[in-house]
Amino acid sequence: MELAAQEGMSLTVGHIYNIRSKLKKQGGEASAGEPVAAGKPAAREASLDGQLRTLVIRIGLDRAERVFAELKASLTRVG
């Protein structure tokens, strides 16, 4: 939750529980350090895409676009 706060997002324990519960049912990442998905790289990518979509829905498209723009700008400065 600290990382989310640093990014300007507010998450509750309930949010995290719901997200992890849904991901567990979908076969995605259920907890930190646990593999995203077993199997082929395409399965892992699909799982990560699903997680990203879930987070965008949770925080809203406008906020997600601002976060992506900030990330893109910071990556441009680094590389």
C-alpha atoms as a PDB file:
ATOM      1  CA  MET A   1       0.000   0.000   0.000  1.00  0.00           C
ATOM      2  CA  GLU A   2       2.979   2.317   0.511  1.00  0.00           C
ATOM      3  CA  LEU A   3       3.899   2.108  -3.170  1.00  0.00           C
ATOM      4  CA  ALA A   4       0.340   2.981  -4.146  1.00  0.00           C
ATOM      5  CA  ALA A   5       0.413   5.974  -1.777  1.00  0.00           C
ATOM      6  CA  GLN A   6       3.667   7.176  -3.368  1.00  0.00           C
ATOM      7  CA  GLU A   7       1.866   7.103  -6.730  1.00  0.00           C
ATOM      8  CA  GLY A   8      -1.038   9.120  -5.333  1.00  0.00           C
ATOM      9  CA  MET A   9      -3.429   6.180  -5.084  1.00  0.00           C
ATOM     10  CA  SER A  10      -5.322   5.211  -1.986  1.00  0.00           C
ATOM     11  CA  LEU A  11      -5.934   1.518  -1.457  1.00  0.00           C
ATOM     12  CA  THR A  12      -7.581  -0.163   1.460  1.00  0.00           C
ATOM     13  CA  VAL A  13      -7.006  -3.655   2.736  1.00  0.00           C
ATOM     14  CA  GLY A  14     -10.403  -4.464   1.233  1.00  0.00           C
ATOM     15  CA  HIS A  15      -9.286  -3.311  -2.233  1.00  0.00           C
ATOM     16  CA  ILE A  16      -6.211  -5.501  -2.071  1.00  0.00           C
ATOM     17  CA  TYR A  17      -8.198  -8.468  -0.783  1.00  0.00           C
ATOM     18  CA  ASN A  18     -10.716  -8.143  -3.629  1.00  0.00           C
ATOM     19  CA  ILE A  19      -8.049  -7.782  -6.302  1.00  0.00           C
ATOM     20  CA  ARG A  20      -6.042 -10.742  -5.028  1.00  0.00           C
ATOM     21  CA  SER A  21      -9.191 -12.832  -4.679  1.00  0.00           C
ATOM     22  CA  LYS A  22     -10.192 -12.150  -8.289  1.00  0.00           C
ATOM     23  CA  LEU A  23      -6.682 -12.812  -9.551  1.00  0.00           C
ATOM     24  CA  LYS A  24      -6.489 -16.058  -7.608  1.00  0.00           C
ATOM     25  CA  LYS A  25      -9.714 -17.239  -9.253  1.00  0.00           C
ATOM     26  CA  GLN A  26      -8.313 -16.245 -12.669  1.00  0.00           C
ATOM     27  CA  GLY A  27      -5.042 -18.048 -12.011  1.00  0.00           C
ATOM     28  CA  GLY A  28      -3.021 -14.843 -11.790  1.00  0.00           C
ATOM     29  CA  GLU A  29      -0.753 -13.486  -9.099  1.00  0.00           C
ATOM     30  CA  ALA A  30      -2.300 -13.957  -5.652  1.00  0.00           C
ATOM     31  CA  SER A  31       0.480 -12.595  -3.467  1.00  0.00           C
ATOM     32  CA  ALA A  32       3.874 -10.947  -3.686  1.00  0.00           C
ATOM     33  CA  GLY A  33       6.648 -13.308  -4.660  1.00  0.00           C
ATOM     34  CA  GLU A  34       4.274 -15.878  -6.127  1.00  0.00           C
ATOM     35  CA  PRO A  35       4.613 -16.529  -9.868  1.00  0.00           C
ATOM     36  CA  VAL A  36       2.196 -14.601 -12.058  1.00  0.00           C
ATOM     37  CA  ALA A  37       1.090 -17.678 -13.962  1.00  0.00           C
ATOM     38  CA  ALA A  38       2.620 -21.028 -14.654  1.00  0.00           C
ATOM     39  CA  GLY A  39       3.280 -22.101 -18.178  1.00  0.00           C
ATOM     40  CA  LYS A  40       4.170 -20.283 -21.351  1.00  0.00           C
ATOM     41  CA  PRO A  41       5.262 -16.638 -21.537  1.00  0.00           C
ATOM     42  CA  ALA A  42       2.034 -15.800 -23.393  1.00  0.00           C
ATOM     43  CA  ALA A  43       0.034 -16.967 -20.363  1.00  0.00           C
ATOM     44  CA  ARG A  44       2.101 -14.750 -18.076  1.00  0.00           C
ATOM     45  CA  GLU A  45       1.651 -11.788 -20.432  1.00  0.00           C
ATOM     46  CA  ALA A  46      -2.100 -12.336 -20.587  1.00  0.00           C
ATOM     47  CA  SER A  47      -2.220 -12.454 -16.797  1.00  0.00           C
ATOM     48  CA  LEU A  48      -0.223  -9.232 -16.497  1.00  0.00           C
ATOM     49  CA  ASP A  49      -2.463  -7.577 -19.083  1.00  0.00           C
ATOM     50  CA  GLY A  50      -5.482  -8.633 -17.049  1.00  0.00           C
ATOM     51  CA  GLN A  51      -3.952  -7.227 -13.883  1.00  0.00           C
ATOM     52  CA  LEU A  52      -3.224  -3.935 -15.613  1.00  0.00           C
ATOM     53  CA  ARG A  53      -6.774  -3.734 -16.935  1.00  0.00           C
ATOM     54  CA  THR A  54      -8.146  -4.432 -13.444  1.00  0.00           C
ATOM     55  CA  LEU A  55      -6.002  -1.681 -11.944  1.00  0.00           C
ATOM     56  CA  VAL A  56      -7.000   0.805 -14.648  1.00  0.00           C
ATOM     57  CA  ILE A  57     -10.647   0.050 -13.935  1.00  0.00           C
ATOM     58  CA  ARG A  58     -10.069   0.431 -10.198  1.00  0.00           C
ATOM     59  CA  ILE A  59      -8.277   3.797 -10.374  1.00  0.00           C
ATOM     60  CA  GLY A  60     -10.112   5.162 -13.401  1.00  0.00           C
ATOM     61  CA  LEU A  61      -8.921   5.786 -16.922  1.00  0.00           C
ATOM     62  CA  ASP A  62      -8.069   9.464 -16.374  1.00  0.00           C
ATOM     63  CA  ARG A  63      -5.818   8.703 -13.390  1.00  0.00           C
ATOM     64  CA  ALA A  64      -4.234   5.750 -15.215  1.00  0.00           C
ATOM     65  CA  GLU A  65      -3.435   7.975 -18.202  1.00  0.00           C
ATOM     66  CA  ARG A  66      -1.754  10.512 -15.888  1.00  0.00           C
ATOM     67  CA  VAL A  67       0.281   7.744 -14.246  1.00  0.00           C
ATOM     68  CA  PHE A  68       1.330   6.363 -17.649  1.00  0.00           C
ATOM     69  CA  ALA A  69       2.287   9.858 -18.855  1.00  0.00           C
ATOM     70  CA  GLU A  70       4.398  10.408 -15.721  1.00  0.00           C
ATOM     71  CA  LEU A  71       6.019   7.002 -16.142  1.00  0.00           C
ATOM     72  CA  LYS A  72       6.738   7.640 -19.811  1.00  0.00           C
ATOM     73  CA  ALA A  73       8.295  11.019 -19.007  1.00  0.00           C
ATOM     74  CA  SER A  74      10.487   9.556 -16.270  1.00  0.00           C
ATOM     75  CA  LEU A  75      11.612   6.700 -18.506  1.00  0.00           C
ATOM     76  CA  THR A  76      12.435   9.145 -21.284  1.00  0.00           C
ATOM     77  CA  ARG A  77      14.645  11.137 -18.904  1.00  0.00           C
ATOM     78  CA  VAL A  78      16.455   7.959 -17.764  1.00  0.00           C
ATOM     79  CA  GLY A  79      17.011   6.385 -21.165  1.00  0.00           C
END
